[in-house]
Amino acid sequence: MPNKKSNMSEIYIYNTLSHKKEVFKPLKDKKVLLYTCGPTVYWFAHIGNLRSYIFSDVLARVFRYNGYKVKHVMNITDVDDKTIKGTIKEYGKKAKKEELRKFAQKYIKVFKEDIRKLNFQKELAFVRATNVVEEIKTAVKKLIKKNFAYIKEGSAYFDIRKYNQKFNDYGILAGKDFLKGLKLGKVISVDEYQKENIGDFVLWKKFKKGEDANIFWTDPILGKGRPGWHIECSVISMEYLGKSIDIHNGGVDLIFPHHSNEIAQSQALSNKVPFVRYWLHAEHMLINNEKMAKSKNNFYTLRDIEKRFDPPAYRYLCLGSHYRSKMNFSWESLESGQNALKNLYQKTLELKKNGKAKRIGPKAKHYKDQFTKLINEDLNTPKALGEVWKMLDDKDISDKEKYALLIDFDKVLGLSLDKVKKEKIPTEVLKLVEQRERLRKQKEWKKSDQVRRKIQDKGFQVEDTKKGPEIRPL
C-alpha cells in the first residue's frame, strides 16, 4: 500500500530546551527513546491530563509512521504526598505500603482503561515508582557521594549550588530570564511547589510518625523514608531507556520545577550532557478560559464525557488543536467533534464496501505526501485532519484509494477506522422508518415529515434513494 520510502522524511519538532523548531536526529539510527511523565494515581486523570497523554501517543505514532522503532516509557507516580494522603483517607492512619499499592492500583486500572478507550497504542510501557525504590535509593546515595546531595534532619536534598558550580545550567529549560531576580531559598520538602520557590529539593523524604501512616522504606544510610517526586523520573528514564535519551515530553506545567530538577539530578548522576536532547511540552486545557485543574475543582474526567459522548470524540477534538496551543474545552465543541467523527466513520464504512487499493496513483500519493509533511511539521494534526477531509471530497481519487489512505493516515490519528462497524439501528427507529414509508406512499407528506423528525430526535437520519430508504446516524 501507500508508498514505502527508502529514506525517512525529516521530522521537525519544537524543542523547549533550545526554544526553537529543530530537525529531529536520533541518538541511534532509526530508533527513538521516548519518555513521558505519567499520572499521579490518587484520583481520576482529568481531560486536561488526557490531552497531554494523547499528544504523547500521537508523537510516538508519528515516529513509527516514519519508519522509526520507538521505545516509549511512562512512569506512574504511586508514592508521593497525594497518594499517601489518599491511602490514609481510605485505609486509616495505620495503613502500610501494601495499602498504598492497593489504593494506587485502583486508579492505575482506571487510567489504563481511559487510554484504552482513547485508542492508545499498546506498545507504551508503564513503570510504577514503587517498583524502582531500590534503584532510587542507589541513585540518591550516589548523589550524596558525589557531593551533589546532602542529608538534613533525616531527609536527603539535592544541592542546586553544588550542581551549578559544575554544570551552571540549572533551570535552563525554563529560559534564560526565568531565574533572574529569584534567589535560592530554603530546602523544599514537599513534592510539588510553586514556580516562585527555588530551593534544594527533596530526594528522599524522612518518615514522620503520625503523618505518613506506616508507609516507608528503610536504608542503612538514608534511614526510614520514601522517594521524593522528582527523582523517580530520572531513575526510571535511565534504568529503562539509558543515561541519555532522545525525547522527554509532558505538560507545560512540568517545565519548572519537575523537568528542570530531572535535568539536574540526571546530569549530576551520569555526567552526561544533555540528559534529554529534545523536550516537548503540551499546552494547558482551559475551561472558561481558565486552566483546568483538580485544585480549582474546574475539571471533567472521561466518565463525565462518556455520559454524553463516545471517548474517541474527545481524541478527535484534541487532534483538531495543535498541542502547543491552549485549548478551551466546551460541550458544544465536543459535540461538533463527535458529529465530525461520526461522519468520518460513515465515510469509512461507505468506502470499505469497495475494498482497499494495493497501490495508489499520483493524485492519491500527493495527499499522502501532504499528510506526512504536515504531521512531520511539529505534529500539525489540525491541518493534517483538514487534508483528510479534502482527500475524501476529491472526485479524482477512487474509493479504493481513499479507503487505503484513510487506514494509512489512521496509523497517526488513532481513531481505529479499520475497526469501524455499521451501527446497529434500534428496532424503534426501524419501525418509524417503515411508518414513514407507508405515509409517503399514501402521499401524507406532512405526517411523514413529522416521523422524520422523530427519527432525527433518536440520532438517525433517512436518505431516500432509488433502492429505498437508507438509515444513517446523525
Protein backbone atom coordinates (compact mmCIF):
# COMPACT_ATOMS: atom_id res chain seq x y z
CA MET A 1 0.00 0.00 0.00
CA PRO A 2 0.90 3.64 0.02
CA ASN A 3 4.43 4.06 -0.90
CA LYS A 4 7.21 2.93 1.32
CA LYS A 5 10.14 5.30 1.03
CA SER A 6 13.70 4.13 1.31
CA ASN A 7 14.64 7.35 3.15
CA MET A 8 12.67 8.64 6.10
CA SER A 9 11.24 12.15 5.86
CA GLU A 10 12.65 14.87 8.09
CA ILE A 11 10.65 15.46 11.25
CA TYR A 12 10.62 18.94 12.76
CA ILE A 13 9.78 19.33 16.45
CA TYR A 14 9.75 22.33 18.77
CA ASN A 15 12.44 21.81 21.39
CA THR A 16 11.73 23.57 24.70
CA LEU A 17 15.45 23.29 25.51
CA SER A 18 16.51 25.44 22.54
CA HIS A 19 13.19 27.33 22.26
CA LYS A 20 13.05 26.70 18.54
CA LYS A 21 11.92 24.17 15.96
CA GLU A 22 14.60 21.62 15.05
CA VAL A 23 15.11 18.70 12.70
CA PHE A 24 14.98 15.50 14.75
CA LYS A 25 18.19 13.49 14.71
CA PRO A 26 18.15 10.27 16.77
CA LEU A 27 20.91 9.07 19.05
CA LYS A 28 20.71 5.72 17.30
CA ASP A 29 19.78 5.23 13.66
CA LYS A 30 16.03 4.64 13.15
CA LYS A 31 15.37 4.35 16.90
CA VAL A 32 13.61 6.75 19.26
CA LEU A 33 13.93 6.63 23.04
CA LEU A 34 10.83 8.41 24.35
CA TYR A 35 9.86 9.14 27.95
CA THR A 36 6.52 10.57 29.06
CA CYS A 37 5.70 11.91 32.50
CA GLY A 38 2.67 9.91 33.57
CA PRO A 39 -0.15 10.27 36.11
CA THR A 40 -0.08 10.61 39.87
CA VAL A 41 -2.63 7.96 40.77
CA TYR A 42 -4.56 9.40 43.70
CA TRP A 43 -7.69 10.22 41.65
CA PHE A 44 -9.02 10.04 38.09
CA ALA A 45 -6.99 11.77 35.38
CA HIS A 46 -8.91 14.82 34.17
CA ILE A 47 -9.34 15.55 30.48
CA GLY A 48 -6.60 18.19 30.57
CA ASN A 49 -4.16 15.49 31.69
CA LEU A 50 -5.54 13.19 28.99
CA ARG A 51 -4.94 15.82 26.31
CA SER A 52 -1.23 15.75 27.19
CA TYR A 53 -1.19 11.95 27.08
CA ILE A 54 -2.99 11.90 23.70
CA PHE A 55 -0.21 14.18 22.44
CA SER A 56 2.40 11.67 23.65
CA ASP A 57 0.59 8.85 21.84
CA VAL A 58 0.42 10.85 18.60
CA LEU A 59 4.11 11.70 18.98
CA ALA A 60 5.04 8.01 19.17
CA ARG A 61 2.73 7.24 16.25
CA VAL A 62 4.32 9.91 14.05
CA PHE A 63 7.77 8.42 14.52
CA ARG A 64 6.51 4.89 13.87
CA TYR A 65 4.68 6.15 10.77
CA ASN A 66 8.03 7.47 9.52
CA GLY A 67 9.70 4.10 9.97
CA TYR A 68 11.35 4.55 13.36
CA LYS A 69 11.37 1.95 16.11
CA VAL A 70 10.07 3.65 19.23
CA LYS A 71 10.69 2.59 22.82
CA HIS A 72 8.11 4.52 24.82
CA VAL A 73 8.13 4.51 28.64
CA MET A 74 5.76 6.26 31.04
CA ASN A 75 6.17 6.50 34.81
CA ILE A 76 3.28 6.11 37.23
CA THR A 77 3.66 8.08 40.45
CA ASP A 78 2.18 5.79 43.08
CA VAL A 79 4.04 7.23 46.08
CA ASP A 80 4.03 10.95 46.93
CA ASP A 81 2.26 13.38 49.24
CA LYS A 82 -1.07 12.97 47.44
CA THR A 83 -1.13 9.18 47.15
CA ILE A 84 -0.15 8.80 50.82
CA LYS A 85 -2.88 11.24 51.87
CA GLY A 86 -5.42 9.32 49.75
CA THR A 87 -4.32 5.99 51.22
CA ILE A 88 -4.70 7.26 54.78
CA LYS A 89 -8.14 8.64 53.97
CA GLU A 90 -9.24 5.26 52.60
CA TYR A 91 -7.42 2.83 54.93
CA GLY A 92 -6.73 4.87 58.05
CA LYS A 93 -3.63 6.13 59.85
CA LYS A 94 -2.22 2.63 60.30
CA ALA A 95 -2.03 1.96 56.53
CA LYS A 96 1.17 0.36 55.22
CA LYS A 97 2.91 0.07 51.86
CA GLU A 98 0.55 -2.76 50.88
CA GLU A 99 -2.45 -0.45 51.27
CA LEU A 100 -0.65 2.28 49.32
CA ARG A 101 -0.19 -0.11 46.39
CA LYS A 102 -3.84 -1.24 46.58
CA PHE A 103 -5.04 2.36 46.64
CA ALA A 104 -2.86 3.29 43.67
CA GLN A 105 -3.75 0.15 41.71
CA LYS A 106 -7.40 1.15 41.69
CA TYR A 107 -6.58 4.38 39.83
CA ILE A 108 -3.92 2.77 37.64
CA LYS A 109 -6.61 0.39 36.40
CA VAL A 110 -8.93 3.32 35.66
CA PHE A 111 -6.16 5.25 33.88
CA LYS A 112 -5.28 2.31 31.64
CA GLU A 113 -8.96 1.84 30.84
CA ASP A 114 -9.20 5.54 29.93
CA ILE A 115 -6.32 5.42 27.49
CA ARG A 116 -7.62 2.15 26.01
CA LYS A 117 -10.92 3.89 25.24
CA LEU A 118 -8.92 6.72 23.65
CA ASN A 119 -7.14 4.23 21.35
CA PHE A 120 -3.59 4.48 22.69
CA GLN A 121 -1.01 2.16 21.17
CA LYS A 122 -0.29 -0.95 23.20
CA GLU A 123 3.49 -0.58 22.90
CA LEU A 124 3.54 2.00 25.71
CA ALA A 125 5.37 0.59 28.76
CA PHE A 126 4.49 1.64 32.32
CA VAL A 127 6.78 1.69 35.36
CA ARG A 128 5.48 2.30 38.89
CA ALA A 129 7.67 4.40 41.17
CA THR A 130 7.30 1.83 43.96
CA ASN A 131 8.84 -0.79 41.67
CA VAL A 132 12.14 1.11 41.49
CA VAL A 133 12.62 2.19 45.13
CA GLU A 134 15.86 0.21 45.44
CA GLU A 135 17.23 1.89 42.32
CA ILE A 136 16.15 5.28 43.69
CA LYS A 137 17.99 4.61 46.96
CA THR A 138 21.14 3.77 44.99
CA ALA A 139 20.81 6.97 42.94
CA VAL A 140 20.32 9.19 45.99
CA LYS A 141 23.32 7.68 47.77
CA LYS A 142 25.40 8.16 44.62
CA LEU A 143 24.42 11.85 44.50
CA ILE A 144 25.43 12.21 48.16
CA LYS A 145 28.77 10.50 47.49
CA LYS A 146 29.38 12.82 44.51
CA ASN A 147 28.63 15.82 46.75
CA PHE A 148 25.51 16.84 44.79
CA ALA A 149 23.19 15.97 47.69
CA TYR A 150 23.19 16.03 51.46
CA ILE A 151 21.17 14.75 54.42
CA LYS A 152 19.46 17.27 56.67
CA GLU A 153 17.15 16.36 59.56
CA GLY A 154 16.74 12.84 58.16
CA SER A 155 15.83 13.81 54.57
CA ALA A 156 18.15 13.89 51.54
CA TYR A 157 18.19 17.04 49.40
CA PHE A 158 19.68 17.92 46.04
CA ASP A 159 22.19 20.76 46.29
CA ILE A 160 21.47 23.24 43.49
CA ARG A 161 24.51 25.45 44.29
CA LYS A 162 26.90 22.50 44.05
CA TYR A 163 25.27 21.42 40.81
CA ASN A 164 25.64 24.88 39.28
CA GLN A 165 29.29 25.07 40.28
CA LYS A 166 29.93 22.26 37.82
CA PHE A 167 27.18 22.49 35.19
CA ASN A 168 25.94 26.08 35.51
CA ASP A 169 22.65 25.36 33.76
CA TYR A 170 20.02 24.84 36.48
CA GLY A 171 16.65 25.99 35.14
CA ILE A 172 17.90 26.18 31.52
CA LEU A 173 14.70 24.54 30.32
CA ALA A 174 12.60 27.42 31.64
CA GLY A 175 14.63 30.01 29.70
CA LYS A 176 17.44 32.44 30.38
CA ASP A 177 15.25 35.05 32.03
CA PHE A 178 13.23 32.70 34.22
CA LEU A 179 15.56 32.60 37.23
CA LYS A 180 16.55 36.29 37.11
CA GLY A 181 15.75 38.02 40.36
CA LEU A 182 14.86 34.78 42.13
CA LYS A 183 17.14 33.79 44.98
CA LEU A 184 17.86 30.26 46.08
CA GLY A 185 15.93 29.83 49.30
CA LYS A 186 15.27 27.20 51.94
CA VAL A 187 15.10 23.47 51.31
CA ILE A 188 11.77 22.27 49.93
CA SER A 189 10.41 19.04 51.37
CA VAL A 190 7.02 18.92 49.64
CA ASP A 191 6.76 17.07 46.33
CA GLU A 192 5.12 19.84 44.31
CA TYR A 193 5.70 23.54 44.79
CA GLN A 194 5.09 26.86 43.09
CA LYS A 195 7.37 28.37 40.47
CA GLU A 196 8.08 31.32 42.77
CA ASN A 197 10.04 29.00 45.06
CA ILE A 198 13.57 27.89 44.29
CA GLY A 199 15.35 25.73 46.82
CA ASP A 200 17.19 22.48 47.32
CA PHE A 201 14.56 19.84 46.64
CA VAL A 202 13.92 16.57 48.43
CA LEU A 203 15.26 13.30 47.01
CA TRP A 204 14.47 11.06 49.97
CA LYS A 205 11.78 12.21 52.39
CA LYS A 206 12.12 11.27 56.04
CA PHE A 207 9.31 9.16 57.53
CA LYS A 208 7.28 11.17 60.03
CA LYS A 209 5.45 9.11 62.58
CA GLY A 210 1.79 10.04 62.82
CA GLU A 211 1.91 11.87 59.49
CA ASP A 212 2.86 9.21 56.95
CA ALA A 213 0.94 6.27 58.47
CA ASN A 214 3.32 3.25 58.23
CA ILE A 215 4.32 3.92 54.64
CA PHE A 216 8.10 3.88 54.44
CA TRP A 217 11.16 2.03 53.15
CA THR A 218 14.38 1.57 55.09
CA ASP A 219 18.03 2.08 54.23
CA PRO A 220 21.13 1.99 56.48
CA ILE A 221 22.33 5.37 55.16
CA LEU A 222 19.10 7.15 54.22
CA GLY A 223 17.05 5.79 57.10
CA LYS A 224 13.26 5.38 57.13
CA GLY A 225 11.56 7.29 54.36
CA ARG A 226 10.31 7.27 50.81
CA PRO A 227 11.33 8.77 47.42
CA GLY A 228 10.72 12.39 46.53
CA TRP A 229 8.68 13.03 43.39
CA HIS A 230 11.38 14.31 41.02
CA ILE A 231 13.92 11.51 41.43
CA GLU A 232 11.61 8.75 40.19
CA CYS A 233 11.53 10.04 36.61
CA SER A 234 15.32 10.36 36.39
CA VAL A 235 15.80 6.83 37.69
CA ILE A 236 13.07 5.22 35.56
CA SER A 237 14.26 7.01 32.42
CA MET A 238 17.90 5.99 32.94
CA GLU A 239 17.06 2.42 34.01
CA TYR A 240 14.71 1.68 31.10
CA LEU A 241 15.98 3.95 28.30
CA GLY A 242 19.58 4.88 29.11
CA LYS A 243 21.64 7.75 30.52
CA SER A 244 20.86 9.94 27.51
CA ILE A 245 17.58 9.77 25.60
CA ASP A 246 16.04 11.33 22.52
CA ILE A 247 12.75 12.82 23.72
CA HIS A 248 11.03 13.63 27.01
CA ASN A 249 7.54 15.08 26.94
CA GLY A 250 4.80 16.26 29.28
CA GLY A 251 2.60 19.26 30.05
CA VAL A 252 3.96 22.83 30.14
CA ASP A 253 3.36 22.99 33.89
CA LEU A 254 6.17 20.43 34.33
CA ILE A 255 8.89 22.60 32.76
CA PHE A 256 9.67 24.03 36.19
CA PRO A 257 10.31 22.63 38.70
CA HIS A 258 9.86 18.98 37.74
CA HIS A 259 11.67 18.73 34.40
CA SER A 260 14.29 21.27 35.47
CA ASN A 261 15.02 19.13 38.53
CA GLU A 262 15.12 15.99 36.39
CA ILE A 263 17.84 17.50 34.21
CA ALA A 264 19.93 18.48 37.23
CA GLN A 265 19.62 15.10 39.00
CA SER A 266 20.25 13.06 35.88
CA GLN A 267 23.26 15.01 34.64
CA ALA A 268 24.76 15.00 38.12
CA LEU A 269 24.32 11.22 38.28
CA SER A 270 25.64 10.35 34.82
CA ASN A 271 27.85 13.34 33.99
CA LYS A 272 26.26 13.17 30.53
CA VAL A 273 25.04 16.40 28.94
CA PRO A 274 22.36 16.69 27.75
CA PHE A 275 20.24 14.17 29.68
CA VAL A 276 17.49 14.68 27.06
CA ARG A 277 18.09 16.05 23.57
CA TYR A 278 14.54 17.16 22.76
CA TRP A 279 11.97 18.35 25.31
CA LEU A 280 8.37 18.65 24.08
CA HIS A 281 5.54 20.19 26.10
CA ALA A 282 1.79 20.30 25.55
CA GLU A 283 -0.15 23.44 26.45
CA HIS A 284 -2.92 23.71 29.04
CA MET A 285 -6.51 22.65 28.63
CA LEU A 286 -8.73 25.58 29.61
CA ILE A 287 -12.29 25.71 30.79
CA ASN A 288 -13.99 29.11 30.59
CA ASN A 289 -10.54 30.39 29.59
CA GLU A 290 -9.02 29.27 32.91
CA LYS A 291 -6.53 26.43 33.40
CA MET A 292 -8.28 23.15 34.18
CA ALA A 293 -7.00 21.75 37.48
CA LYS A 294 -8.09 19.43 40.26
CA SER A 295 -7.04 22.04 42.82
CA LYS A 296 -9.52 24.50 41.30
CA ASN A 297 -12.26 21.88 41.05
CA ASN A 298 -12.99 23.03 37.49
CA PHE A 299 -12.30 19.79 35.66
CA TYR A 300 -14.02 16.90 33.89
CA THR A 301 -12.97 13.27 33.67
CA LEU A 302 -13.56 10.77 30.88
CA ARG A 303 -16.50 9.45 32.94
CA ASP A 304 -18.19 12.83 32.56
CA ILE A 305 -17.65 12.73 28.79
CA GLU A 306 -18.97 9.17 28.49
CA LYS A 307 -22.32 10.22 29.88
CA ARG A 308 -22.93 12.19 26.68
CA PHE A 309 -20.34 11.24 24.05
CA ASP A 310 -18.08 8.43 22.87
CA PRO A 311 -14.46 8.74 24.20
CA PRO A 312 -12.88 8.80 20.68
CA ALA A 313 -14.80 12.05 20.08
CA TYR A 314 -12.55 13.66 22.69
CA ARG A 315 -9.45 12.34 20.92
CA TYR A 316 -10.77 13.78 17.64
CA LEU A 317 -11.37 17.12 19.37
CA CYS A 318 -7.77 17.18 20.65
CA LEU A 319 -6.42 16.36 17.19
CA GLY A 320 -8.17 19.49 15.93
CA SER A 321 -5.97 21.70 18.10
CA HIS A 322 -2.18 21.98 17.92
CA TYR A 323 -0.51 20.57 21.02
CA ARG A 324 1.40 23.82 21.63
CA SER A 325 -1.79 25.90 21.61
CA LYS A 326 -4.03 26.39 24.61
CA MET A 327 -7.33 24.59 24.10
CA ASN A 328 -10.60 25.84 25.56
CA PHE A 329 -12.97 22.97 26.30
CA SER A 330 -16.72 23.25 25.84
CA TRP A 331 -19.50 20.72 25.45
CA GLU A 332 -20.50 22.42 22.19
CA SER A 333 -17.03 21.88 20.70
CA LEU A 334 -17.08 18.25 21.83
CA GLU A 335 -20.48 17.76 20.19
CA SER A 336 -19.04 19.15 16.95
CA GLY A 337 -16.11 16.75 17.30
CA GLN A 338 -18.46 13.81 17.79
CA ASN A 339 -20.52 14.78 14.73
CA ALA A 340 -17.38 15.11 12.59
CA LEU A 341 -16.11 11.74 13.81
CA LYS A 342 -19.45 10.08 13.07
CA ASN A 343 -19.30 11.49 9.55
CA LEU A 344 -15.78 10.11 9.19
CA TYR A 345 -16.96 6.71 10.41
CA GLN A 346 -19.79 6.77 7.89
CA LYS A 347 -17.43 7.71 5.06
CA THR A 348 -15.13 4.89 6.10
CA LEU A 349 -17.97 2.34 6.03
CA GLU A 350 -19.08 3.52 2.58
CA LEU A 351 -15.55 3.28 1.18
CA LYS A 352 -14.87 -0.05 2.84
CA LYS A 353 -17.51 -1.75 0.66
CA ASN A 354 -15.27 -1.36 -2.40
CA GLY A 355 -12.12 -2.70 -0.76
CA LYS A 356 -8.66 -1.21 -0.32
CA ALA A 357 -6.25 -0.31 -3.12
CA LYS A 358 -2.95 -2.20 -3.05
CA ARG A 359 -1.27 0.66 -4.86
CA ILE A 360 -2.16 4.31 -5.20
CA GLY A 361 -1.87 6.67 -8.14
CA PRO A 362 -0.08 10.05 -8.37
CA LYS A 363 -3.04 12.13 -7.12
CA ALA A 364 -3.54 9.94 -4.06
CA LYS A 365 0.22 9.93 -3.45
CA HIS A 366 0.09 13.73 -3.35
CA TYR A 367 -2.31 13.53 -0.39
CA LYS A 368 -0.10 11.02 1.39
CA ASP A 369 2.91 13.28 0.90
CA GLN A 370 0.97 16.31 2.15
CA PHE A 371 -0.33 14.44 5.20
CA THR A 372 3.19 13.24 6.03
CA LYS A 373 4.62 16.73 5.58
CA LEU A 374 2.03 18.22 7.95
CA ILE A 375 2.42 15.71 10.76
CA ASN A 376 6.20 15.95 10.41
CA GLU A 377 5.94 19.72 10.85
CA ASP A 378 5.79 19.64 14.65
CA LEU A 379 2.74 17.37 14.69
CA ASN A 380 0.35 19.70 12.89
CA THR A 381 -2.70 17.48 13.40
CA PRO A 382 -5.30 20.24 12.74
CA LYS A 383 -4.01 20.79 9.20
CA ALA A 384 -3.50 17.04 8.72
CA LEU A 385 -7.18 16.47 9.56
CA GLY A 386 -8.10 19.15 7.03
CA GLU A 387 -6.09 17.28 4.41
CA VAL A 388 -8.00 14.08 5.23
CA TRP A 389 -11.37 15.75 4.54
CA LYS A 390 -10.01 17.41 1.41
CA MET A 391 -8.90 14.00 0.14
CA LEU A 392 -12.32 12.45 0.85
CA ASP A 393 -14.01 15.16 -1.25
CA ASP A 394 -11.65 14.72 -4.21
CA LYS A 395 -13.52 13.09 -7.11
CA ASP A 396 -10.29 12.31 -8.96
CA ILE A 397 -9.36 9.58 -6.50
CA SER A 398 -11.01 6.17 -6.46
CA ASP A 399 -12.90 4.90 -3.44
CA LYS A 400 -10.36 2.10 -3.03
CA GLU A 401 -7.53 4.64 -2.90
CA LYS A 402 -9.44 6.79 -0.42
CA TYR A 403 -10.03 3.85 1.89
CA ALA A 404 -6.36 2.83 1.65
CA LEU A 405 -5.29 6.37 2.54
CA LEU A 406 -7.75 6.60 5.43
CA ILE A 407 -6.43 3.42 7.01
CA ASP A 408 -2.87 4.61 6.42
CA PHE A 409 -3.47 8.05 7.96
CA ASP A 410 -5.18 6.47 10.94
CA LYS A 411 -1.85 4.99 11.99
CA VAL A 412 -1.17 8.53 13.22
CA LEU A 413 -4.69 9.74 14.07
CA GLY A 414 -5.50 6.69 16.18
CA LEU A 415 -9.26 6.72 15.56
CA SER A 416 -9.48 2.94 14.91
CA LEU A 417 -11.03 3.46 11.48
CA ASP A 418 -10.13 -0.09 10.46
CA LYS A 419 -12.44 -1.39 13.22
CA VAL A 420 -15.46 0.76 12.45
CA LYS A 421 -18.63 -1.30 12.17
CA LYS A 422 -22.05 -0.40 10.91
CA GLU A 423 -24.04 0.97 13.80
CA LYS A 424 -26.89 -1.25 14.84
CA ILE A 425 -30.17 0.52 14.20
CA PRO A 426 -32.65 0.28 17.11
CA THR A 427 -35.93 -1.56 16.43
CA GLU A 428 -37.95 1.55 17.29
CA VAL A 429 -36.10 3.54 14.60
CA LEU A 430 -36.70 0.79 12.01
CA LYS A 431 -40.42 0.86 12.84
CA LEU A 432 -40.52 4.65 12.43
CA VAL A 433 -38.83 4.33 9.02
CA GLU A 434 -41.46 1.75 7.95
CA GLN A 435 -44.22 4.06 9.19
CA ARG A 436 -42.73 6.96 7.22
CA GLU A 437 -42.58 4.85 4.05
CA ARG A 438 -46.24 3.96 4.36
CA LEU A 439 -47.17 7.63 4.80
CA ARG A 440 -45.07 8.60 1.79
CA LYS A 441 -46.83 6.03 -0.38
CA GLN A 442 -50.14 7.49 0.80
CA LYS A 443 -48.73 10.97 -0.03
CA GLU A 444 -49.18 12.07 3.58
CA TRP A 445 -46.17 14.38 3.30
CA LYS A 446 -46.78 16.43 6.41
CA LYS A 447 -47.16 13.36 8.62
CA SER A 448 -44.13 11.69 7.02
CA ASP A 449 -42.04 14.78 7.84
CA GLN A 450 -43.19 14.58 11.44
CA VAL A 451 -41.99 10.97 11.60
CA ARG A 452 -38.67 12.01 10.01
CA ARG A 453 -38.19 14.48 12.87
CA LYS A 454 -38.88 11.71 15.40
CA ILE A 455 -36.17 9.62 13.71
CA GLN A 456 -33.75 12.54 13.93
CA ASP A 457 -34.55 13.02 17.61
CA LYS A 458 -33.32 9.45 18.14
CA GLY A 459 -30.00 10.25 16.48
CA PHE A 460 -30.60 8.96 12.93
CA GLN A 461 -31.39 10.40 9.51
CA VAL A 462 -33.14 8.91 6.50
CA GLU A 463 -31.94 9.39 2.95
CA ASP A 464 -34.33 8.44 0.15
CA THR A 465 -32.62 6.55 -2.69
CA LYS A 466 -33.76 4.55 -5.73
CA LYS A 467 -33.10 1.38 -3.71
CA GLY A 468 -35.22 2.62 -0.84
CA PRO A 469 -34.57 4.49 2.42
CA GLU A 470 -31.04 4.45 3.82
CA ILE A 471 -30.67 4.98 7.56
CA ARG A 472 -27.57 6.68 8.93
CA PRO A 473 -26.55 8.01 12.32
CA LEU A 474 -26.52 11.81 12.60
